[in-house]
Amino acid sequence: MTSTEQHLDLTPVEPPSSPSRSKRRSILVLVVLALAIAALLSQGLLHSLDYFKTVDEVFASRGAVGTSVIRLEGVVKPHTITRTSAGASFVLTGSGDHEVSVVAHGTPPQLFQANVPVVVVGHFVSATSDVFDGTQILVKHTASYIAQHPTRVKAPNGTTR
């Protein structure tokens, strides 16, 4: 045996992993990442949707609503609007005989009036109360509203649109 043969390492070496195994692993990682991103996006979108409950729906599930913050939709009952130093109080009606007294804080929107559908953000004063404490009033109307009532919608500078 020569001196060079004594220094050579002749132990078997593991062959490199096959391209198909490494490719499968990469595909698996990409699929897991895609599923994780899809789950995060769908949860984000679902939680960002902000639905409202109608007056009738609230009365049908009054116990479940309790005092949690919701968006309550109804029509402003005529002759019930009272302007207060804090905002306004009024009564919302549903399609049935149900009514909710609303005490809203803040300035009502310009289009707020009787017989107009509104959405009020807030909560019930107690779990059994019919008094709704509102923090924001949103007036609902269709896209054709401005065309039908051009002098009612005003720009911030006071001009009508």
N, C-alpha and C. Protein backbone atom coordinates (compact mmCIF):
# COMPACT_ATOMS: atom_id res chain seq x y z
N MET A 1 0.83 -1.16 0.00
CA MET A 1 0.00 0.00 0.00
C MET A 1 0.89 1.24 0.00
N THR A 2 0.53 2.17 -0.80
CA THR A 2 1.33 3.39 -0.89
C THR A 2 0.82 4.39 0.14
N SER A 3 1.59 5.40 0.34
CA SER A 3 1.22 6.40 1.34
C SER A 3 -0.01 7.20 0.93
N THR A 4 -0.24 7.36 -0.35
CA THR A 4 -1.42 8.11 -0.81
C THR A 4 -2.69 7.29 -0.63
N GLU A 5 -2.60 5.99 -0.74
CA GLU A 5 -3.78 5.14 -0.57
C GLU A 5 -4.21 5.10 0.88
N GLN A 6 -3.30 5.28 1.81
CA GLN A 6 -3.66 5.24 3.22
C GLN A 6 -4.46 6.46 3.63
N HIS A 7 -4.35 7.57 2.96
CA HIS A 7 -5.02 8.79 3.34
C HIS A 7 -6.35 8.98 2.63
N LEU A 8 -6.66 8.16 1.72
CA LEU A 8 -7.93 8.29 1.00
C LEU A 8 -9.06 7.71 1.84
N ASP A 9 -10.14 8.45 1.93
CA ASP A 9 -11.32 8.00 2.66
C ASP A 9 -12.24 7.28 1.69
N LEU A 10 -12.41 5.99 1.89
CA LEU A 10 -13.20 5.21 0.96
C LEU A 10 -14.55 4.79 1.55
N THR A 11 -15.01 5.50 2.57
CA THR A 11 -16.32 5.16 3.14
C THR A 11 -17.40 5.58 2.16
N PRO A 12 -18.48 4.76 2.08
CA PRO A 12 -19.53 5.10 1.13
C PRO A 12 -20.21 6.42 1.49
N VAL A 13 -20.52 7.18 0.48
CA VAL A 13 -21.17 8.48 0.65
C VAL A 13 -22.64 8.34 0.23
N GLU A 14 -23.54 8.99 1.01
CA GLU A 14 -24.98 8.99 0.70
C GLU A 14 -25.19 9.76 -0.59
N PRO A 15 -25.91 9.20 -1.53
CA PRO A 15 -26.14 9.95 -2.78
C PRO A 15 -27.04 11.16 -2.49
N PRO A 16 -26.93 12.23 -3.25
CA PRO A 16 -27.78 13.41 -3.04
C PRO A 16 -29.25 13.03 -3.23
N SER A 17 -30.10 13.76 -2.50
CA SER A 17 -31.53 13.43 -2.59
C SER A 17 -32.02 13.62 -4.01
N SER A 18 -32.97 12.80 -4.35
CA SER A 18 -33.47 12.84 -5.73
C SER A 18 -34.24 14.13 -5.96
N PRO A 19 -34.24 14.64 -7.16
CA PRO A 19 -34.93 15.89 -7.46
C PRO A 19 -36.45 15.78 -7.19
N SER A 20 -37.01 14.62 -7.36
CA SER A 20 -38.45 14.48 -7.17
C SER A 20 -38.82 14.64 -5.69
N ARG A 21 -37.99 14.14 -4.76
CA ARG A 21 -38.28 14.27 -3.33
C ARG A 21 -38.18 15.74 -2.92
N SER A 22 -37.18 16.43 -3.36
CA SER A 22 -37.01 17.84 -3.04
C SER A 22 -38.11 18.68 -3.68
N LYS A 23 -38.53 18.32 -4.87
CA LYS A 23 -39.61 19.03 -5.55
C LYS A 23 -40.92 18.84 -4.79
N ARG A 24 -41.20 17.62 -4.32
CA ARG A 24 -42.42 17.36 -3.55
C ARG A 24 -42.43 18.16 -2.26
N ARG A 25 -41.28 18.23 -1.62
CA ARG A 25 -41.19 19.00 -0.37
C ARG A 25 -41.46 20.48 -0.64
N SER A 26 -40.93 21.03 -1.70
CA SER A 26 -41.16 22.44 -2.05
C SER A 26 -42.63 22.69 -2.35
N ILE A 27 -43.23 21.79 -3.09
CA ILE A 27 -44.66 21.93 -3.41
C ILE A 27 -45.50 21.87 -2.14
N LEU A 28 -45.16 20.96 -1.24
CA LEU A 28 -45.90 20.84 0.02
C LEU A 28 -45.78 22.13 0.84
N VAL A 29 -44.60 22.70 0.91
CA VAL A 29 -44.40 23.94 1.65
C VAL A 29 -45.22 25.07 1.02
N LEU A 30 -45.23 25.16 -0.30
CA LEU A 30 -45.99 26.20 -0.99
C LEU A 30 -47.49 26.03 -0.76
N VAL A 31 -47.98 24.79 -0.77
CA VAL A 31 -49.39 24.54 -0.53
C VAL A 31 -49.78 24.94 0.90
N VAL A 32 -48.95 24.59 1.86
CA VAL A 32 -49.22 24.96 3.27
C VAL A 32 -49.22 26.48 3.41
N LEU A 33 -48.28 27.17 2.80
CA LEU A 33 -48.24 28.63 2.85
C LEU A 33 -49.48 29.24 2.19
N ALA A 34 -49.88 28.71 1.05
CA ALA A 34 -51.07 29.23 0.36
C ALA A 34 -52.32 29.04 1.20
N LEU A 35 -52.44 27.88 1.86
CA LEU A 35 -53.60 27.64 2.73
C LEU A 35 -53.59 28.58 3.93
N ALA A 36 -52.44 28.82 4.48
CA ALA A 36 -52.34 29.73 5.63
C ALA A 36 -52.73 31.15 5.23
N ILE A 37 -52.24 31.60 4.09
CA ILE A 37 -52.59 32.95 3.60
C ILE A 37 -54.07 33.04 3.31
N ALA A 38 -54.64 32.02 2.67
CA ALA A 38 -56.07 32.01 2.37
C ALA A 38 -56.90 32.04 3.65
N ALA A 39 -56.48 31.31 4.66
CA ALA A 39 -57.22 31.30 5.94
C ALA A 39 -57.16 32.67 6.59
N LEU A 40 -56.00 33.29 6.61
CA LEU A 40 -55.87 34.62 7.20
C LEU A 40 -56.71 35.66 6.46
N LEU A 41 -56.68 35.63 5.15
CA LEU A 41 -57.47 36.58 4.36
C LEU A 41 -58.96 36.38 4.56
N SER A 42 -59.41 35.13 4.56
CA SER A 42 -60.85 34.89 4.72
C SER A 42 -61.31 35.31 6.10
N GLN A 43 -60.52 35.06 7.13
CA GLN A 43 -60.90 35.49 8.48
C GLN A 43 -60.91 37.01 8.58
N GLY A 44 -59.96 37.65 7.97
CA GLY A 44 -59.91 39.11 7.98
C GLY A 44 -61.11 39.71 7.28
N LEU A 45 -61.48 39.15 6.14
CA LEU A 45 -62.63 39.66 5.41
C LEU A 45 -63.93 39.40 6.15
N LEU A 46 -64.06 38.23 6.74
CA LEU A 46 -65.29 37.92 7.46
C LEU A 46 -65.46 38.82 8.68
N HIS A 47 -64.36 39.12 9.37
CA HIS A 47 -64.47 39.95 10.56
C HIS A 47 -64.61 41.43 10.22
N SER A 48 -64.24 41.82 9.02
CA SER A 48 -64.35 43.23 8.65
C SER A 48 -65.74 43.58 8.14
N LEU A 49 -66.55 42.59 7.79
CA LEU A 49 -67.91 42.88 7.38
C LEU A 49 -68.71 43.32 8.58
N ASP A 50 -69.47 44.36 8.41
CA ASP A 50 -70.21 44.92 9.52
C ASP A 50 -71.69 44.92 9.17
N TYR A 51 -72.38 43.88 9.57
CA TYR A 51 -73.80 43.76 9.27
C TYR A 51 -74.61 44.54 10.29
N PHE A 52 -75.88 44.79 9.95
CA PHE A 52 -76.77 45.39 10.93
C PHE A 52 -77.91 44.44 11.22
N LYS A 53 -78.55 44.65 12.36
CA LYS A 53 -79.71 43.88 12.75
C LYS A 53 -80.92 44.80 12.69
N THR A 54 -82.03 44.31 12.16
CA THR A 54 -83.24 45.11 12.12
C THR A 54 -83.89 45.09 13.49
N VAL A 55 -84.81 46.02 13.70
CA VAL A 55 -85.54 46.09 14.97
C VAL A 55 -86.23 44.75 15.23
N ASP A 56 -86.85 44.17 14.20
CA ASP A 56 -87.56 42.90 14.37
C ASP A 56 -86.59 41.77 14.71
N GLU A 57 -85.42 41.73 14.08
CA GLU A 57 -84.44 40.69 14.39
C GLU A 57 -83.95 40.79 15.83
N VAL A 58 -83.78 42.01 16.31
CA VAL A 58 -83.32 42.20 17.68
C VAL A 58 -84.35 41.68 18.68
N PHE A 59 -85.63 41.94 18.41
CA PHE A 59 -86.65 41.44 19.32
C PHE A 59 -86.79 39.93 19.25
N ALA A 60 -86.49 39.34 18.11
CA ALA A 60 -86.55 37.88 17.97
C ALA A 60 -85.41 37.21 18.74
N SER A 61 -84.28 37.90 18.89
CA SER A 61 -83.14 37.33 19.60
C SER A 61 -82.62 38.29 20.67
N ARG A 62 -83.52 38.87 21.42
CA ARG A 62 -83.16 39.90 22.40
C ARG A 62 -82.16 39.40 23.44
N GLY A 63 -82.31 38.18 23.92
CA GLY A 63 -81.39 37.64 24.92
C GLY A 63 -79.97 37.50 24.40
N ALA A 64 -79.82 37.14 23.15
CA ALA A 64 -78.48 36.95 22.57
C ALA A 64 -77.77 38.28 22.34
N VAL A 65 -78.54 39.32 22.06
CA VAL A 65 -77.95 40.64 21.79
C VAL A 65 -77.42 41.26 23.08
N GLY A 66 -78.21 41.19 24.15
CA GLY A 66 -77.79 41.74 25.44
C GLY A 66 -77.41 43.20 25.33
N THR A 67 -76.21 43.53 25.81
CA THR A 67 -75.73 44.91 25.74
C THR A 67 -74.52 45.04 24.81
N SER A 68 -74.33 44.08 23.92
CA SER A 68 -73.20 44.16 23.00
C SER A 68 -73.43 45.25 21.95
N VAL A 69 -72.36 45.79 21.44
CA VAL A 69 -72.43 46.85 20.43
C VAL A 69 -72.88 46.25 19.11
N ILE A 70 -73.94 46.81 18.55
CA ILE A 70 -74.48 46.34 17.27
C ILE A 70 -74.83 47.54 16.41
N ARG A 71 -75.19 47.26 15.17
CA ARG A 71 -75.77 48.25 14.28
C ARG A 71 -77.25 47.91 14.17
N LEU A 72 -78.10 48.82 14.59
CA LEU A 72 -79.55 48.60 14.63
C LEU A 72 -80.20 49.39 13.50
N GLU A 73 -80.96 48.69 12.65
CA GLU A 73 -81.61 49.32 11.51
C GLU A 73 -83.11 49.40 11.73
N GLY A 74 -83.68 50.54 11.41
CA GLY A 74 -85.13 50.73 11.49
C GLY A 74 -85.51 52.05 10.84
N VAL A 75 -86.80 52.37 10.90
CA VAL A 75 -87.31 53.60 10.32
C VAL A 75 -87.64 54.56 11.46
N VAL A 76 -87.26 55.82 11.31
CA VAL A 76 -87.52 56.82 12.33
C VAL A 76 -89.03 57.11 12.36
N LYS A 77 -89.62 56.89 13.52
CA LYS A 77 -91.06 57.08 13.69
C LYS A 77 -91.38 58.58 13.69
N PRO A 78 -92.40 58.98 12.91
CA PRO A 78 -92.77 60.41 12.87
C PRO A 78 -93.16 60.94 14.26
N HIS A 79 -92.88 62.21 14.47
CA HIS A 79 -93.23 62.95 15.68
C HIS A 79 -92.53 62.42 16.93
N THR A 80 -91.40 61.73 16.78
CA THR A 80 -90.68 61.23 17.96
C THR A 80 -89.30 61.83 18.09
N ILE A 81 -88.86 62.63 17.13
CA ILE A 81 -87.50 63.20 17.16
C ILE A 81 -87.46 64.38 18.13
N THR A 82 -86.55 64.29 19.09
CA THR A 82 -86.32 65.38 20.03
C THR A 82 -84.83 65.68 20.01
N ARG A 83 -84.49 66.90 19.66
CA ARG A 83 -83.07 67.31 19.67
C ARG A 83 -82.67 67.58 21.12
N THR A 84 -81.52 67.07 21.50
CA THR A 84 -81.01 67.27 22.86
C THR A 84 -79.65 67.94 22.77
N SER A 85 -79.14 68.36 23.91
CA SER A 85 -77.81 68.99 23.92
C SER A 85 -76.73 67.98 23.54
N ALA A 86 -76.98 66.70 23.78
CA ALA A 86 -76.00 65.66 23.47
C ALA A 86 -76.19 65.09 22.07
N GLY A 87 -77.34 65.30 21.44
CA GLY A 87 -77.61 64.73 20.12
C GLY A 87 -79.09 64.74 19.81
N ALA A 88 -79.72 63.55 19.85
CA ALA A 88 -81.15 63.44 19.56
C ALA A 88 -81.69 62.17 20.17
N SER A 89 -82.98 62.19 20.45
CA SER A 89 -83.67 60.97 20.85
C SER A 89 -84.84 60.78 19.91
N PHE A 90 -85.16 59.53 19.62
CA PHE A 90 -86.22 59.21 18.67
C PHE A 90 -86.60 57.75 18.84
N VAL A 91 -87.60 57.32 18.10
CA VAL A 91 -88.06 55.94 18.16
C VAL A 91 -87.84 55.30 16.79
N LEU A 92 -87.26 54.09 16.80
CA LEU A 92 -87.10 53.30 15.57
C LEU A 92 -88.19 52.24 15.53
N THR A 93 -88.77 52.05 14.36
CA THR A 93 -89.78 51.01 14.20
C THR A 93 -89.28 49.95 13.23
N GLY A 94 -89.82 48.76 13.39
CA GLY A 94 -89.51 47.68 12.46
C GLY A 94 -90.69 47.46 11.54
N SER A 95 -90.72 46.35 10.86
CA SER A 95 -91.84 46.08 9.95
C SER A 95 -93.06 45.60 10.71
N GLY A 96 -92.87 45.16 11.96
CA GLY A 96 -93.99 44.73 12.79
C GLY A 96 -94.37 45.82 13.77
N ASP A 97 -94.79 45.42 14.95
CA ASP A 97 -95.19 46.37 15.98
C ASP A 97 -94.06 46.74 16.92
N HIS A 98 -92.86 46.27 16.68
CA HIS A 98 -91.75 46.51 17.58
C HIS A 98 -91.21 47.92 17.43
N GLU A 99 -90.86 48.53 18.57
CA GLU A 99 -90.27 49.86 18.59
C GLU A 99 -89.12 49.89 19.58
N VAL A 100 -88.10 50.68 19.26
CA VAL A 100 -86.95 50.86 20.14
C VAL A 100 -86.73 52.36 20.33
N SER A 101 -86.63 52.79 21.59
CA SER A 101 -86.30 54.18 21.89
C SER A 101 -84.79 54.34 21.78
N VAL A 102 -84.37 55.34 21.02
CA VAL A 102 -82.94 55.57 20.80
C VAL A 102 -82.55 56.90 21.41
N VAL A 103 -81.47 56.89 22.16
CA VAL A 103 -80.84 58.11 22.66
C VAL A 103 -79.48 58.16 21.98
N ALA A 104 -79.36 59.07 21.01
CA ALA A 104 -78.13 59.14 20.21
C ALA A 104 -77.27 60.31 20.65
N HIS A 105 -75.98 60.08 20.75
CA HIS A 105 -75.02 61.11 21.13
C HIS A 105 -74.31 61.58 19.88
N GLY A 106 -74.11 62.86 19.76
CA GLY A 106 -73.45 63.42 18.58
C GLY A 106 -74.48 64.04 17.65
N THR A 107 -74.00 64.80 16.71
CA THR A 107 -74.87 65.49 15.77
C THR A 107 -75.41 64.51 14.74
N PRO A 108 -76.75 64.46 14.57
CA PRO A 108 -77.32 63.57 13.55
C PRO A 108 -76.92 64.05 12.15
N PRO A 109 -76.88 63.14 11.18
CA PRO A 109 -76.53 63.55 9.82
C PRO A 109 -77.58 64.51 9.24
N GLN A 110 -77.20 65.21 8.21
CA GLN A 110 -78.05 66.22 7.60
C GLN A 110 -79.35 65.62 7.05
N LEU A 111 -79.32 64.41 6.56
CA LEU A 111 -80.51 63.80 5.97
C LEU A 111 -81.40 63.10 6.99
N PHE A 112 -81.06 63.17 8.26
CA PHE A 112 -81.82 62.53 9.32
C PHE A 112 -83.16 63.24 9.50
N GLN A 113 -84.25 62.46 9.39
CA GLN A 113 -85.59 63.00 9.59
C GLN A 113 -86.56 61.84 9.78
N ALA A 114 -87.81 62.15 10.05
CA ALA A 114 -88.84 61.12 10.25
C ALA A 114 -89.08 60.35 8.96
N ASN A 115 -89.51 59.09 9.10
CA ASN A 115 -89.82 58.19 7.99
C ASN A 115 -88.62 57.85 7.11
N VAL A 116 -87.42 58.02 7.63
CA VAL A 116 -86.20 57.70 6.88
C VAL A 116 -85.55 56.48 7.53
N PRO A 117 -85.14 55.49 6.73
CA PRO A 117 -84.44 54.35 7.32
C PRO A 117 -83.03 54.76 7.76
N VAL A 118 -82.68 54.35 8.98
CA VAL A 118 -81.36 54.67 9.51
C VAL A 118 -80.75 53.43 10.15
N VAL A 119 -79.45 53.48 10.31
CA VAL A 119 -78.71 52.46 11.06
C VAL A 119 -78.03 53.21 12.20
N VAL A 120 -78.25 52.74 13.43
CA VAL A 120 -77.67 53.39 14.61
C VAL A 120 -76.67 52.42 15.23
N VAL A 121 -75.44 52.89 15.43
CA VAL A 121 -74.41 52.09 16.08
C VAL A 121 -74.49 52.36 17.58
N GLY A 122 -74.54 51.29 18.37
CA GLY A 122 -74.61 51.47 19.81
C GLY A 122 -74.95 50.18 20.52
N HIS A 123 -75.59 50.30 21.69
CA HIS A 123 -75.93 49.12 22.49
C HIS A 123 -77.17 49.42 23.33
N PHE A 124 -77.83 48.37 23.79
CA PHE A 124 -78.97 48.55 24.67
C PHE A 124 -78.44 48.90 26.06
N VAL A 125 -79.20 49.71 26.78
CA VAL A 125 -78.78 50.18 28.10
C VAL A 125 -78.63 49.02 29.08
N SER A 126 -79.54 48.04 29.01
CA SER A 126 -79.42 46.83 29.83
C SER A 126 -79.89 45.65 28.99
N ALA A 127 -79.72 44.46 29.51
CA ALA A 127 -80.06 43.25 28.75
C ALA A 127 -81.56 43.13 28.49
N THR A 128 -82.40 43.80 29.28
CA THR A 128 -83.85 43.71 29.11
C THR A 128 -84.48 45.03 28.68
N SER A 129 -83.69 46.08 28.52
CA SER A 129 -84.20 47.41 28.20
C SER A 129 -84.57 47.53 26.73
N ASP A 130 -85.52 48.42 26.44
CA ASP A 130 -85.87 48.77 25.06
C ASP A 130 -85.26 50.12 24.68
N VAL A 131 -84.34 50.62 25.49
CA VAL A 131 -83.67 51.89 25.21
C VAL A 131 -82.29 51.58 24.64
N PHE A 132 -82.04 52.14 23.47
CA PHE A 132 -80.79 51.90 22.75
C PHE A 132 -79.93 53.15 22.84
N ASP A 133 -78.69 53.00 23.32
CA ASP A 133 -77.75 54.10 23.46
C ASP A 133 -76.88 54.15 22.21
N GLY A 134 -77.13 55.14 21.35
CA GLY A 134 -76.43 55.22 20.07
C GLY A 134 -75.26 56.17 20.09
N THR A 135 -74.21 55.79 19.36
CA THR A 135 -73.03 56.64 19.25
C THR A 135 -72.87 57.22 17.85
N GLN A 136 -73.60 56.65 16.87
CA GLN A 136 -73.49 57.12 15.50
C GLN A 136 -74.78 56.80 14.76
N ILE A 137 -75.27 57.74 13.95
CA ILE A 137 -76.46 57.53 13.13
C ILE A 137 -76.03 57.57 11.67
N LEU A 138 -76.40 56.54 10.93
CA LEU A 138 -76.12 56.47 9.49
C LEU A 138 -77.44 56.46 8.75
N VAL A 139 -77.64 57.39 7.83
CA VAL A 139 -78.88 57.44 7.05
C VAL A 139 -78.72 56.54 5.84
N LYS A 140 -79.71 55.66 5.64
CA LYS A 140 -79.70 54.76 4.50
C LYS A 140 -80.49 55.38 3.35
N HIS A 141 -79.93 55.31 2.16
CA HIS A 141 -80.68 55.74 0.97
C HIS A 141 -80.06 55.09 -0.25
N THR A 142 -80.81 55.04 -1.31
CA THR A 142 -80.34 54.42 -2.54
C THR A 142 -79.52 55.41 -3.34
N ALA A 143 -78.89 54.93 -4.38
CA ALA A 143 -78.08 55.80 -5.24
C ALA A 143 -78.94 56.81 -5.98
N SER A 144 -80.22 56.52 -6.15
CA SER A 144 -81.11 57.44 -6.87
C SER A 144 -81.61 58.56 -5.98
N TYR A 145 -81.26 58.56 -4.69
CA TYR A 145 -81.76 59.56 -3.77
C TYR A 145 -81.35 60.98 -4.19
N ILE A 146 -80.09 61.17 -4.54
CA ILE A 146 -79.61 62.49 -4.92
C ILE A 146 -80.33 62.99 -6.17
N ALA A 147 -80.58 62.11 -7.12
CA ALA A 147 -81.29 62.51 -8.33
C ALA A 147 -82.71 62.94 -8.01
N GLN A 148 -83.36 62.28 -7.06
CA GLN A 148 -84.74 62.62 -6.70
C GLN A 148 -84.81 63.86 -5.80
N HIS A 149 -83.77 64.11 -5.00
CA HIS A 149 -83.77 65.23 -4.05
C HIS A 149 -82.46 66.01 -4.15
N PRO A 150 -82.23 66.71 -5.26
CA PRO A 150 -80.93 67.35 -5.46
C PRO A 150 -80.61 68.48 -4.47
N THR A 151 -81.60 69.11 -3.86
CA THR A 151 -81.31 70.22 -2.95
C THR A 151 -81.08 69.78 -1.52
N ARG A 152 -81.26 68.51 -1.22
CA ARG A 152 -81.11 68.03 0.16
C ARG A 152 -79.68 67.65 0.52
N VAL A 153 -78.89 67.33 -0.47
CA VAL A 153 -77.52 66.88 -0.20
C VAL A 153 -76.58 68.05 -0.44
N LYS A 154 -75.86 68.45 0.62
CA LYS A 154 -74.98 69.62 0.52
C LYS A 154 -73.53 69.19 0.67
N ALA A 155 -72.68 69.87 -0.08
CA ALA A 155 -71.24 69.64 0.02
C ALA A 155 -70.73 70.33 1.29
N PRO A 156 -69.52 69.98 1.75
CA PRO A 156 -68.97 70.61 2.94
C PRO A 156 -68.89 72.14 2.84
N ASN A 157 -68.75 72.68 1.63
CA ASN A 157 -68.67 74.15 1.48
C ASN A 157 -70.05 74.81 1.44
N GLY A 158 -71.14 74.01 1.56
CA GLY A 158 -72.49 74.58 1.62
C GLY A 158 -73.24 74.55 0.31
N THR A 159 -72.58 74.24 -0.79
CA THR A 159 -73.28 74.19 -2.07
C THR A 159 -74.05 72.87 -2.18
N THR A 160 -75.15 72.90 -2.92
CA THR A 160 -75.92 71.68 -3.12
C THR A 160 -75.37 70.91 -4.29
N ARG A 161 -75.51 69.60 -4.23
CA ARG A 161 -75.02 68.75 -5.32
C ARG A 161 -76.19 68.22 -6.09
